[in-house]
Amino acid sequence: MSQRVRKITPEILKQIIVQEARRLQMEAAQEDADHPSDVDAEETDASEFADSLEHKIDYMKALDIHEQRLRAKLAKVQEAKVKVAKSVRR
């Protein structure tokens, strides 16, 4: 379950906002007839979502620990690479 993490630059953020605004406008045009008082809303208990959120937070913490271990390994590899490069140059 690997996902790529991208930095959000101002340009990407602007694109996301424009796309979302267009999507909202299209939805509003399609749902003109629906007034909030006409819609039957189904209420859900917040506790149903709490477990899911808690699981995701725990998973993020586990990923952070894993990331720290990988960064430590990467530092060792880079250090070894520098040592080898120096010994080759001599």
N, C-alpha and C. Protein backbone atom coordinates (compact mmCIF):
# COMPACT_ATOMS: atom_id res chain seq x y z
N MET A 1 0.83 -1.17 0.00
CA MET A 1 0.00 0.00 0.00
C MET A 1 0.88 1.24 0.00
N SER A 2 1.71 1.35 -1.00
CA SER A 2 2.60 2.50 -1.07
C SER A 2 1.94 3.60 -1.89
N GLN A 3 2.04 4.80 -1.38
CA GLN A 3 1.50 5.95 -2.07
C GLN A 3 2.62 6.96 -2.20
N ARG A 4 2.65 7.60 -3.36
CA ARG A 4 3.66 8.62 -3.56
C ARG A 4 3.22 9.90 -2.87
N VAL A 5 4.16 10.56 -2.27
CA VAL A 5 3.88 11.82 -1.61
C VAL A 5 4.51 12.92 -2.45
N ARG A 6 3.69 13.87 -2.86
CA ARG A 6 4.20 14.97 -3.66
C ARG A 6 4.09 16.27 -2.88
N LYS A 7 5.05 17.13 -3.09
CA LYS A 7 4.97 18.45 -2.49
C LYS A 7 3.92 19.25 -3.25
N ILE A 8 3.15 20.00 -2.52
CA ILE A 8 2.13 20.83 -3.16
C ILE A 8 2.72 22.22 -3.36
N THR A 9 2.97 22.51 -4.61
CA THR A 9 3.49 23.82 -4.96
C THR A 9 2.32 24.78 -5.12
N PRO A 10 2.58 26.08 -5.11
CA PRO A 10 1.49 27.03 -5.29
C PRO A 10 0.73 26.81 -6.61
N GLU A 11 1.44 26.41 -7.66
CA GLU A 11 0.78 26.17 -8.94
C GLU A 11 -0.17 24.99 -8.86
N ILE A 12 0.28 23.90 -8.22
CA ILE A 12 -0.56 22.72 -8.08
C ILE A 12 -1.77 23.05 -7.22
N LEU A 13 -1.56 23.81 -6.16
CA LEU A 13 -2.66 24.18 -5.29
C LEU A 13 -3.69 25.02 -6.04
N LYS A 14 -3.23 25.94 -6.87
CA LYS A 14 -4.15 26.75 -7.66
C LYS A 14 -4.96 25.88 -8.62
N GLN A 15 -4.29 24.90 -9.25
CA GLN A 15 -5.00 23.99 -10.16
C GLN A 15 -6.06 23.20 -9.42
N ILE A 16 -5.73 22.72 -8.24
CA ILE A 16 -6.67 21.95 -7.44
C ILE A 16 -7.89 22.81 -7.09
N ILE A 17 -7.65 24.06 -6.71
CA ILE A 17 -8.74 24.95 -6.34
C ILE A 17 -9.63 25.23 -7.54
N VAL A 18 -9.04 25.49 -8.69
CA VAL A 18 -9.82 25.76 -9.90
C VAL A 18 -10.65 24.54 -10.28
N GLN A 19 -10.05 23.35 -10.23
CA GLN A 19 -10.79 22.14 -10.56
C GLN A 19 -11.95 21.91 -9.60
N GLU A 20 -11.70 22.13 -8.32
CA GLU A 20 -12.74 21.93 -7.32
C GLU A 20 -13.86 22.95 -7.50
N ALA A 21 -13.51 24.19 -7.82
CA ALA A 21 -14.52 25.22 -8.05
C ALA A 21 -15.40 24.86 -9.25
N ARG A 22 -14.78 24.37 -10.32
CA ARG A 22 -15.55 23.94 -11.50
C ARG A 22 -16.48 22.79 -11.15
N ARG A 23 -15.96 21.83 -10.38
CA ARG A 23 -16.77 20.68 -10.02
C ARG A 23 -17.97 21.11 -9.17
N LEU A 24 -17.74 22.02 -8.24
CA LEU A 24 -18.82 22.51 -7.40
C LEU A 24 -19.86 23.28 -8.21
N GLN A 25 -19.40 24.06 -9.17
CA GLN A 25 -20.33 24.79 -10.02
C GLN A 25 -21.19 23.84 -10.84
N MET A 26 -20.57 22.78 -11.37
CA MET A 26 -21.33 21.80 -12.15
C MET A 26 -22.35 21.07 -11.28
N GLU A 27 -21.95 20.71 -10.07
CA GLU A 27 -22.87 20.05 -9.16
C GLU A 27 -24.03 20.97 -8.79
N ALA A 28 -23.73 22.24 -8.56
CA ALA A 28 -24.77 23.20 -8.19
C ALA A 28 -25.75 23.38 -9.34
N ALA A 29 -25.25 23.39 -10.56
CA ALA A 29 -26.13 23.53 -11.72
C ALA A 29 -27.04 22.31 -11.86
N GLN A 30 -26.52 21.13 -11.56
CA GLN A 30 -27.30 19.91 -11.69
C GLN A 30 -28.32 19.76 -10.57
N GLU A 31 -28.01 20.31 -9.42
CA GLU A 31 -28.87 20.13 -8.26
C GLU A 31 -29.64 21.39 -7.90
N ASP A 32 -29.95 22.24 -8.90
CA ASP A 32 -30.67 23.47 -8.63
C ASP A 32 -32.02 23.20 -7.98
N ALA A 33 -32.68 22.14 -8.38
CA ALA A 33 -34.02 21.85 -7.88
C ALA A 33 -34.00 21.41 -6.42
N ASP A 34 -32.89 20.84 -5.98
CA ASP A 34 -32.81 20.34 -4.61
C ASP A 34 -32.53 21.48 -3.63
N HIS A 35 -33.44 21.71 -2.75
CA HIS A 35 -33.28 22.69 -1.69
C HIS A 35 -32.94 21.92 -0.42
N PRO A 36 -32.10 22.44 0.45
CA PRO A 36 -31.72 21.70 1.65
C PRO A 36 -32.91 21.20 2.47
N SER A 37 -33.99 21.96 2.49
CA SER A 37 -35.15 21.52 3.27
C SER A 37 -35.89 20.37 2.58
N ASP A 38 -35.67 20.18 1.28
CA ASP A 38 -36.34 19.11 0.54
C ASP A 38 -35.62 17.77 0.67
N VAL A 39 -34.38 17.80 1.08
CA VAL A 39 -33.56 16.59 1.12
C VAL A 39 -33.69 15.94 2.49
N ASP A 40 -33.92 14.61 2.48
CA ASP A 40 -33.94 13.86 3.74
C ASP A 40 -32.51 13.44 4.06
N ALA A 41 -31.96 14.02 5.10
CA ALA A 41 -30.57 13.73 5.46
C ALA A 41 -30.54 12.58 6.46
N GLU A 42 -29.58 11.70 6.26
CA GLU A 42 -29.41 10.58 7.17
C GLU A 42 -28.33 10.95 8.18
N GLU A 43 -28.71 10.96 9.45
CA GLU A 43 -27.76 11.34 10.48
C GLU A 43 -26.94 10.12 10.89
N THR A 44 -25.65 10.35 11.06
CA THR A 44 -24.78 9.28 11.52
C THR A 44 -24.08 9.71 12.80
N ASP A 45 -23.76 8.75 13.60
CA ASP A 45 -23.10 9.03 14.87
C ASP A 45 -21.60 9.21 14.63
N ALA A 46 -21.04 10.21 15.27
CA ALA A 46 -19.62 10.51 15.08
C ALA A 46 -18.72 9.38 15.58
N SER A 47 -19.23 8.60 16.52
CA SER A 47 -18.40 7.53 17.07
C SER A 47 -18.09 6.47 16.02
N GLU A 48 -18.95 6.37 14.98
CA GLU A 48 -18.69 5.42 13.91
C GLU A 48 -17.41 5.78 13.15
N PHE A 49 -17.16 7.07 13.03
CA PHE A 49 -15.99 7.53 12.29
C PHE A 49 -14.75 7.62 13.17
N ALA A 50 -14.93 7.66 14.47
CA ALA A 50 -13.81 7.82 15.39
C ALA A 50 -12.83 6.66 15.31
N ASP A 51 -13.35 5.43 15.23
CA ASP A 51 -12.47 4.27 15.15
C ASP A 51 -11.64 4.30 13.87
N SER A 52 -12.27 4.67 12.79
CA SER A 52 -11.55 4.75 11.52
C SER A 52 -10.45 5.80 11.58
N LEU A 53 -10.79 6.94 12.15
CA LEU A 53 -9.81 8.02 12.27
C LEU A 53 -8.66 7.61 13.19
N GLU A 54 -8.99 6.96 14.27
CA GLU A 54 -7.97 6.50 15.21
C GLU A 54 -7.03 5.50 14.54
N HIS A 55 -7.59 4.61 13.73
CA HIS A 55 -6.78 3.63 13.00
C HIS A 55 -5.83 4.34 12.05
N LYS A 56 -6.31 5.34 11.35
CA LYS A 56 -5.48 6.07 10.40
C LYS A 56 -4.35 6.82 11.12
N ILE A 57 -4.66 7.39 12.28
CA ILE A 57 -3.63 8.10 13.04
C ILE A 57 -2.55 7.14 13.51
N ASP A 58 -2.98 5.96 14.00
CA ASP A 58 -2.01 4.95 14.42
C ASP A 58 -1.13 4.52 13.26
N TYR A 59 -1.74 4.36 12.09
CA TYR A 59 -1.00 3.95 10.89
C TYR A 59 0.02 5.03 10.51
N MET A 60 -0.37 6.31 10.63
CA MET A 60 0.56 7.39 10.33
C MET A 60 1.76 7.37 11.28
N LYS A 61 1.51 7.10 12.55
CA LYS A 61 2.59 7.02 13.52
C LYS A 61 3.54 5.88 13.18
N ALA A 62 2.97 4.75 12.79
CA ALA A 62 3.79 3.60 12.41
C ALA A 62 4.63 3.93 11.17
N LEU A 63 4.03 4.63 10.22
CA LEU A 63 4.77 5.01 9.02
C LEU A 63 5.90 5.98 9.36
N ASP A 64 5.65 6.86 10.32
CA ASP A 64 6.69 7.82 10.72
C ASP A 64 7.88 7.08 11.32
N ILE A 65 7.62 6.09 12.16
CA ILE A 65 8.70 5.30 12.76
C ILE A 65 9.46 4.56 11.67
N HIS A 66 8.73 3.98 10.71
CA HIS A 66 9.36 3.26 9.61
C HIS A 66 10.21 4.23 8.77
N GLU A 67 9.70 5.43 8.56
CA GLU A 67 10.45 6.43 7.79
C GLU A 67 11.75 6.79 8.50
N GLN A 68 11.71 6.93 9.81
CA GLN A 68 12.92 7.25 10.56
C GLN A 68 13.97 6.15 10.41
N ARG A 69 13.53 4.90 10.45
CA ARG A 69 14.47 3.78 10.28
C ARG A 69 15.08 3.81 8.88
N LEU A 70 14.23 4.05 7.88
CA LEU A 70 14.73 4.08 6.51
C LEU A 70 15.71 5.23 6.30
N ARG A 71 15.43 6.37 6.92
CA ARG A 71 16.35 7.51 6.80
C ARG A 71 17.69 7.20 7.44
N ALA A 72 17.68 6.48 8.55
CA ALA A 72 18.94 6.09 9.21
C ALA A 72 19.72 5.15 8.30
N LYS A 73 19.04 4.19 7.69
CA LYS A 73 19.71 3.26 6.76
C LYS A 73 20.26 4.02 5.55
N LEU A 74 19.48 4.96 5.05
CA LEU A 74 19.92 5.75 3.90
C LEU A 74 21.17 6.55 4.26
N ALA A 75 21.22 7.10 5.45
CA ALA A 75 22.40 7.86 5.88
C ALA A 75 23.62 6.96 5.90
N LYS A 76 23.47 5.72 6.38
CA LYS A 76 24.60 4.78 6.41
C LYS A 76 25.06 4.44 5.00
N VAL A 77 24.11 4.23 4.11
CA VAL A 77 24.45 3.90 2.71
C VAL A 77 25.18 5.07 2.07
N GLN A 78 24.68 6.29 2.29
CA GLN A 78 25.34 7.46 1.70
C GLN A 78 26.74 7.65 2.27
N GLU A 79 26.89 7.37 3.54
CA GLU A 79 28.21 7.47 4.17
C GLU A 79 29.17 6.46 3.56
N ALA A 80 28.72 5.24 3.36
CA ALA A 80 29.54 4.21 2.76
C ALA A 80 29.89 4.58 1.32
N LYS A 81 28.95 5.15 0.62
CA LYS A 81 29.17 5.57 -0.77
C LYS A 81 30.26 6.62 -0.84
N VAL A 82 30.24 7.55 0.08
CA VAL A 82 31.27 8.60 0.12
C VAL A 82 32.64 7.98 0.39
N LYS A 83 32.71 7.05 1.33
CA LYS A 83 33.98 6.39 1.66
C LYS A 83 34.54 5.64 0.45
N VAL A 84 33.67 4.93 -0.25
CA VAL A 84 34.11 4.18 -1.42
C VAL A 84 34.59 5.13 -2.50
N ALA A 85 33.85 6.21 -2.70
CA ALA A 85 34.24 7.20 -3.73
C ALA A 85 35.60 7.81 -3.41
N LYS A 86 35.84 8.08 -2.13
CA LYS A 86 37.14 8.65 -1.74
C LYS A 86 38.27 7.64 -1.96
N SER A 87 38.02 6.36 -1.66
CA SER A 87 39.06 5.36 -1.84
C SER A 87 39.34 5.10 -3.32
N VAL A 88 38.37 5.26 -4.18
CA VAL A 88 38.56 5.07 -5.61
C VAL A 88 39.37 6.22 -6.19
N ARG A 89 39.18 7.41 -5.69
CA ARG A 89 39.88 8.59 -6.21
C ARG A 89 41.36 8.60 -5.86
N ARG A 90 41.74 7.89 -4.83
CA ARG A 90 43.15 7.93 -4.40
C ARG A 90 44.02 7.18 -5.29
